[in-house]
N, C-alpha and C. Protein backbone atom coordinates (compact mmCIF):
# COMPACT_ATOMS: atom_id res chain seq x y z
N GLN A 1 111.44 68.45 111.75
CA GLN A 1 111.09 69.53 112.67
C GLN A 1 111.22 70.87 111.94
N VAL A 2 110.35 71.77 112.35
CA VAL A 2 110.31 73.10 111.71
C VAL A 2 110.34 74.15 112.81
N GLN A 3 111.12 75.18 112.61
CA GLN A 3 111.15 76.33 113.49
C GLN A 3 110.56 77.54 112.73
N LEU A 4 109.73 78.29 113.45
CA LEU A 4 109.07 79.46 112.83
C LEU A 4 109.36 80.70 113.68
N VAL A 5 109.73 81.77 113.00
CA VAL A 5 110.01 83.02 113.69
C VAL A 5 109.20 84.12 113.00
N GLU A 6 108.33 84.74 113.79
CA GLU A 6 107.55 85.84 113.26
C GLU A 6 108.23 87.19 113.59
N SER A 7 107.98 88.15 112.74
CA SER A 7 108.47 89.49 113.01
C SER A 7 107.54 90.46 112.29
N GLY A 8 107.69 91.74 112.64
CA GLY A 8 106.94 92.79 111.95
C GLY A 8 105.76 93.40 112.72
N GLY A 9 105.49 92.84 113.87
CA GLY A 9 104.39 93.44 114.61
C GLY A 9 104.73 94.79 115.17
N GLY A 10 103.75 95.46 115.74
CA GLY A 10 103.99 96.76 116.32
C GLY A 10 102.70 97.49 116.56
N LEU A 11 102.84 98.77 116.80
CA LEU A 11 101.70 99.66 117.06
C LEU A 11 101.45 100.54 115.84
N VAL A 12 100.19 100.60 115.45
CA VAL A 12 99.83 101.38 114.27
C VAL A 12 98.45 101.98 114.49
N GLN A 13 98.21 103.10 113.87
CA GLN A 13 96.90 103.74 113.97
C GLN A 13 95.93 103.04 113.03
N ALA A 14 94.68 103.14 113.38
CA ALA A 14 93.62 102.59 112.52
C ALA A 14 93.73 103.15 111.13
N GLY A 15 93.57 102.28 110.16
CA GLY A 15 93.76 102.68 108.76
C GLY A 15 95.16 102.44 108.22
N GLY A 16 96.08 102.18 109.13
CA GLY A 16 97.46 102.01 108.72
C GLY A 16 97.73 100.56 108.26
N SER A 17 98.98 100.30 108.01
CA SER A 17 99.40 99.00 107.49
C SER A 17 100.62 98.47 108.24
N LEU A 18 100.72 97.18 108.26
CA LEU A 18 101.87 96.47 108.81
C LEU A 18 102.13 95.23 107.95
N ARG A 19 103.37 94.83 107.89
CA ARG A 19 103.72 93.60 107.17
C ARG A 19 104.37 92.65 108.17
N LEU A 20 103.73 91.51 108.36
CA LEU A 20 104.31 90.45 109.19
C LEU A 20 105.12 89.48 108.33
N SER A 21 106.14 88.92 108.94
CA SER A 21 106.95 87.95 108.24
C SER A 21 107.05 86.69 109.08
N CYS A 22 106.97 85.54 108.40
CA CYS A 22 107.17 84.26 109.06
C CYS A 22 108.31 83.56 108.35
N ALA A 23 109.41 83.39 109.04
CA ALA A 23 110.57 82.71 108.48
C ALA A 23 110.65 81.32 109.06
N ALA A 24 110.66 80.34 108.16
CA ALA A 24 110.71 78.94 108.57
C ALA A 24 112.13 78.38 108.34
N SER A 25 112.50 77.48 109.22
CA SER A 25 113.77 76.78 109.05
C SER A 25 113.56 75.30 109.46
N GLY A 26 114.50 74.49 109.06
CA GLY A 26 114.37 73.07 109.34
C GLY A 26 113.80 72.33 108.12
N SER A 27 112.86 71.47 108.33
CA SER A 27 112.31 70.67 107.25
C SER A 27 111.23 71.43 106.49
N ILE A 28 111.60 72.54 105.90
CA ILE A 28 110.58 73.43 105.30
C ILE A 28 109.90 72.80 104.08
N PHE A 29 110.58 71.85 103.43
CA PHE A 29 109.98 71.26 102.27
C PHE A 29 108.88 70.24 102.62
N SER A 30 108.77 69.95 103.90
CA SER A 30 107.67 69.08 104.33
C SER A 30 106.44 69.87 104.77
N ILE A 31 106.50 71.20 104.64
CA ILE A 31 105.35 72.02 105.00
C ILE A 31 104.28 71.92 103.94
N ASN A 32 103.09 71.56 104.33
CA ASN A 32 101.97 71.50 103.40
C ASN A 32 101.16 72.78 103.38
N VAL A 33 100.92 73.34 104.56
CA VAL A 33 100.14 74.55 104.65
C VAL A 33 100.83 75.45 105.72
N LEU A 34 100.95 76.71 105.36
CA LEU A 34 101.45 77.68 106.35
C LEU A 34 100.32 78.66 106.61
N ALA A 35 100.06 78.89 107.87
CA ALA A 35 98.91 79.70 108.25
C ALA A 35 99.29 80.79 109.23
N TRP A 36 98.48 81.84 109.25
CA TRP A 36 98.56 82.86 110.26
C TRP A 36 97.28 82.73 111.10
N TYR A 37 97.49 82.71 112.41
CA TYR A 37 96.37 82.78 113.36
C TYR A 37 96.57 84.05 114.19
N ARG A 38 95.51 84.41 114.90
CA ARG A 38 95.63 85.51 115.85
C ARG A 38 94.77 85.21 117.08
N GLN A 39 95.22 85.81 118.16
CA GLN A 39 94.49 85.64 119.42
C GLN A 39 94.43 86.95 120.16
N ALA A 40 93.24 87.47 120.32
CA ALA A 40 93.01 88.70 121.04
C ALA A 40 92.80 88.35 122.53
N PRO A 41 93.04 89.29 123.43
CA PRO A 41 92.85 89.04 124.86
C PRO A 41 91.44 88.56 125.15
N GLY A 42 91.34 87.46 125.84
CA GLY A 42 90.05 86.93 126.25
C GLY A 42 89.31 86.19 125.15
N LYS A 43 89.93 86.03 123.99
CA LYS A 43 89.25 85.37 122.88
C LYS A 43 90.04 84.13 122.44
N GLN A 44 89.36 83.26 121.71
CA GLN A 44 90.01 82.07 121.20
C GLN A 44 90.90 82.43 120.00
N ARG A 45 91.88 81.60 119.82
CA ARG A 45 92.75 81.79 118.66
C ARG A 45 91.91 81.52 117.38
N GLU A 46 92.08 82.41 116.41
CA GLU A 46 91.32 82.24 115.18
C GLU A 46 92.24 82.24 113.96
N LEU A 47 91.77 81.55 112.93
CA LEU A 47 92.52 81.48 111.69
C LEU A 47 92.34 82.78 110.90
N VAL A 48 93.45 83.30 110.42
CA VAL A 48 93.46 84.54 109.64
C VAL A 48 93.60 84.25 108.15
N ALA A 49 94.62 83.48 107.80
CA ALA A 49 94.89 83.22 106.40
C ALA A 49 95.77 82.00 106.29
N THR A 50 95.67 81.35 105.12
CA THR A 50 96.53 80.18 104.84
C THR A 50 97.06 80.22 103.43
N ILE A 51 98.20 79.59 103.27
CA ILE A 51 98.76 79.40 101.94
C ILE A 51 99.33 77.99 101.86
N THR A 52 98.97 77.30 100.80
CA THR A 52 99.44 75.92 100.64
C THR A 52 100.79 75.92 99.94
N SER A 53 101.40 74.76 99.92
CA SER A 53 102.68 74.61 99.23
C SER A 53 102.55 74.90 97.76
N GLY A 54 101.34 74.73 97.25
CA GLY A 54 101.09 75.03 95.82
C GLY A 54 100.74 76.46 95.56
N GLY A 55 100.61 77.25 96.62
CA GLY A 55 100.35 78.67 96.47
C GLY A 55 98.92 79.10 96.59
N SER A 56 98.02 78.19 96.87
CA SER A 56 96.62 78.56 97.04
C SER A 56 96.45 79.27 98.39
N THR A 57 95.65 80.33 98.37
CA THR A 57 95.46 81.12 99.59
C THR A 57 94.00 81.12 99.99
N HIS A 58 93.82 81.34 101.30
CA HIS A 58 92.47 81.43 101.87
C HIS A 58 92.53 82.48 102.96
N TYR A 59 91.46 83.26 103.05
CA TYR A 59 91.40 84.32 104.05
C TYR A 59 90.11 84.24 104.83
N ALA A 60 90.21 84.57 106.12
CA ALA A 60 89.00 84.70 106.91
C ALA A 60 88.18 85.86 106.38
N ASP A 61 86.87 85.78 106.52
CA ASP A 61 86.03 86.84 106.02
C ASP A 61 86.35 88.19 106.62
N SER A 62 86.80 88.16 107.88
CA SER A 62 87.05 89.42 108.58
C SER A 62 88.26 90.16 108.01
N VAL A 63 89.12 89.51 107.29
CA VAL A 63 90.31 90.17 106.74
C VAL A 63 90.37 90.17 105.22
N LYS A 64 89.40 89.53 104.60
CA LYS A 64 89.39 89.43 103.15
C LYS A 64 89.33 90.82 102.53
N GLY A 65 90.21 91.04 101.55
CA GLY A 65 90.24 92.34 100.90
C GLY A 65 91.19 93.32 101.57
N ARG A 66 91.62 93.00 102.79
CA ARG A 66 92.51 93.90 103.53
C ARG A 66 93.91 93.26 103.72
N PHE A 67 93.92 91.96 103.94
CA PHE A 67 95.19 91.24 104.21
C PHE A 67 95.58 90.45 102.99
N ILE A 68 96.87 90.40 102.72
CA ILE A 68 97.39 89.68 101.57
C ILE A 68 98.59 88.84 101.97
N LEU A 69 98.54 87.56 101.61
CA LEU A 69 99.68 86.66 101.84
C LEU A 69 100.56 86.70 100.58
N SER A 70 101.84 86.65 100.82
CA SER A 70 102.79 86.57 99.67
C SER A 70 104.04 85.83 100.13
N ARG A 71 104.76 85.40 99.12
CA ARG A 71 106.08 84.78 99.38
C ARG A 71 106.87 84.89 98.11
N ASP A 72 108.19 84.78 98.23
CA ASP A 72 109.01 84.83 97.04
C ASP A 72 109.14 83.43 96.43
N ASN A 73 109.93 83.31 95.42
CA ASN A 73 110.05 82.04 94.71
C ASN A 73 110.63 80.94 95.60
N ALA A 74 111.34 81.33 96.63
CA ALA A 74 111.91 80.35 97.55
C ALA A 74 110.91 79.86 98.57
N LYS A 75 109.67 80.46 98.51
CA LYS A 75 108.57 80.11 99.39
C LYS A 75 108.86 80.43 100.87
N ASN A 76 109.89 81.16 101.14
CA ASN A 76 110.26 81.47 102.50
C ASN A 76 111.05 82.75 102.52
N PRO A 77 110.73 83.73 103.35
CA PRO A 77 109.59 83.71 104.29
C PRO A 77 108.24 83.98 103.64
N VAL A 78 107.23 83.83 104.44
CA VAL A 78 105.86 84.15 104.01
C VAL A 78 105.47 85.46 104.70
N TYR A 79 104.90 86.34 103.90
CA TYR A 79 104.55 87.66 104.43
C TYR A 79 103.04 87.77 104.53
N LEU A 80 102.60 88.50 105.52
CA LEU A 80 101.18 88.86 105.66
C LEU A 80 101.11 90.38 105.65
N GLN A 81 100.70 90.92 104.52
CA GLN A 81 100.53 92.37 104.41
C GLN A 81 99.15 92.71 104.95
N MET A 82 99.14 93.58 105.93
CA MET A 82 97.87 93.93 106.57
C MET A 82 97.59 95.39 106.34
N ASN A 83 96.53 95.67 105.58
CA ASN A 83 96.16 97.02 105.22
C ASN A 83 94.84 97.41 105.89
N SER A 84 94.54 98.69 105.91
CA SER A 84 93.30 99.19 106.45
C SER A 84 93.03 98.59 107.81
N LEU A 85 94.03 98.59 108.65
CA LEU A 85 93.91 97.93 109.97
C LEU A 85 92.85 98.60 110.85
N LYS A 86 92.18 97.77 111.62
CA LYS A 86 91.11 98.21 112.52
C LYS A 86 91.50 97.86 113.94
N PRO A 87 90.95 98.56 114.93
CA PRO A 87 91.26 98.21 116.30
C PRO A 87 90.98 96.75 116.61
N GLU A 88 89.95 96.19 115.98
CA GLU A 88 89.61 94.78 116.24
C GLU A 88 90.63 93.80 115.67
N ASP A 89 91.59 94.30 114.90
CA ASP A 89 92.67 93.44 114.43
C ASP A 89 93.79 93.27 115.48
N THR A 90 93.66 94.02 116.58
CA THR A 90 94.62 93.93 117.66
C THR A 90 94.66 92.50 118.24
N ALA A 91 95.83 91.92 118.27
CA ALA A 91 95.98 90.52 118.71
C ALA A 91 97.45 90.13 118.65
N VAL A 92 97.74 88.99 119.21
CA VAL A 92 99.04 88.34 118.96
C VAL A 92 98.86 87.48 117.73
N TYR A 93 99.71 87.67 116.78
CA TYR A 93 99.63 86.90 115.51
C TYR A 93 100.67 85.80 115.53
N TYR A 94 100.20 84.59 115.20
CA TYR A 94 101.05 83.41 115.24
C TYR A 94 101.15 82.79 113.85
N CYS A 95 102.35 82.34 113.54
CA CYS A 95 102.57 81.57 112.34
C CYS A 95 102.47 80.08 112.67
N ASN A 96 101.87 79.34 111.80
CA ASN A 96 101.66 77.91 112.03
C ASN A 96 102.02 77.14 110.77
N ALA A 97 102.76 76.06 110.95
CA ALA A 97 103.11 75.19 109.81
C ALA A 97 102.51 73.81 110.02
N LEU A 98 101.75 73.39 109.05
CA LEU A 98 101.16 72.04 109.06
C LEU A 98 101.96 71.18 108.06
N LEU A 99 102.58 70.14 108.57
CA LEU A 99 103.39 69.30 107.73
C LEU A 99 102.54 68.23 107.04
N ARG A 100 103.07 67.63 106.02
CA ARG A 100 102.37 66.54 105.31
C ARG A 100 102.16 65.36 106.26
N SER A 101 103.00 65.22 107.27
CA SER A 101 102.88 64.14 108.22
C SER A 101 101.72 64.35 109.18
N GLY A 102 101.20 65.57 109.25
CA GLY A 102 100.13 65.90 110.19
C GLY A 102 100.63 66.65 111.40
N PHE A 103 101.97 66.67 111.61
CA PHE A 103 102.48 67.46 112.72
C PHE A 103 102.33 68.93 112.40
N GLN A 104 102.23 69.70 113.43
CA GLN A 104 102.18 71.14 113.22
C GLN A 104 103.09 71.87 114.24
N TYR A 105 103.56 73.00 113.83
CA TYR A 105 104.47 73.82 114.65
C TYR A 105 103.98 75.25 114.69
N TRP A 106 104.28 75.90 115.81
CA TRP A 106 103.89 77.28 116.03
C TRP A 106 105.11 78.17 116.26
N GLY A 107 104.98 79.39 115.83
CA GLY A 107 105.96 80.40 116.20
C GLY A 107 105.65 80.99 117.54
N GLN A 108 106.46 81.94 117.99
CA GLN A 108 106.28 82.48 119.33
C GLN A 108 105.26 83.60 119.37
N GLY A 109 104.89 84.10 118.19
CA GLY A 109 103.89 85.15 118.11
C GLY A 109 104.48 86.55 118.05
N THR A 110 103.75 87.43 117.44
CA THR A 110 104.15 88.83 117.38
C THR A 110 102.94 89.71 117.64
N GLN A 111 103.10 90.72 118.48
CA GLN A 111 101.97 91.55 118.88
C GLN A 111 101.68 92.62 117.85
N VAL A 112 100.37 92.73 117.51
CA VAL A 112 99.90 93.79 116.65
C VAL A 112 98.87 94.58 117.43
N THR A 113 99.09 95.87 117.56
CA THR A 113 98.20 96.73 118.28
C THR A 113 97.73 97.85 117.36
N VAL A 114 96.43 97.99 117.18
CA VAL A 114 95.86 99.03 116.32
C VAL A 114 95.12 100.02 117.20
N SER A 115 95.55 101.24 117.22
CA SER A 115 94.91 102.24 118.02
C SER A 115 93.81 102.98 117.25
N SER A 116 92.79 103.40 117.95
CA SER A 116 91.66 104.07 117.27
C SER A 116 91.89 105.55 117.24
């Protein structure tokens, strides 16, 4: 079992930056992929970025070049650096862990609001 706790959300003006953190606990060595998703009001949850246990990253086209995933050598926590934020980035951001077993876990989410 894995527990995920997100932090770092808040209110920022357009063009600003925020750094989200996802801290995992429990069976963290069984995590195969850690991902960030977001869900804006009235919209479906969408994938933002992923990082594999081997360190490979993938970004949605909408955030490519603006958002950066990183982690330290301990692989925990995983950070999502969000730069050049736009009002359309406003959403609840969720951390997701996909285990090698196929099980997945979600964090509680953290609100990001970008004002124009």
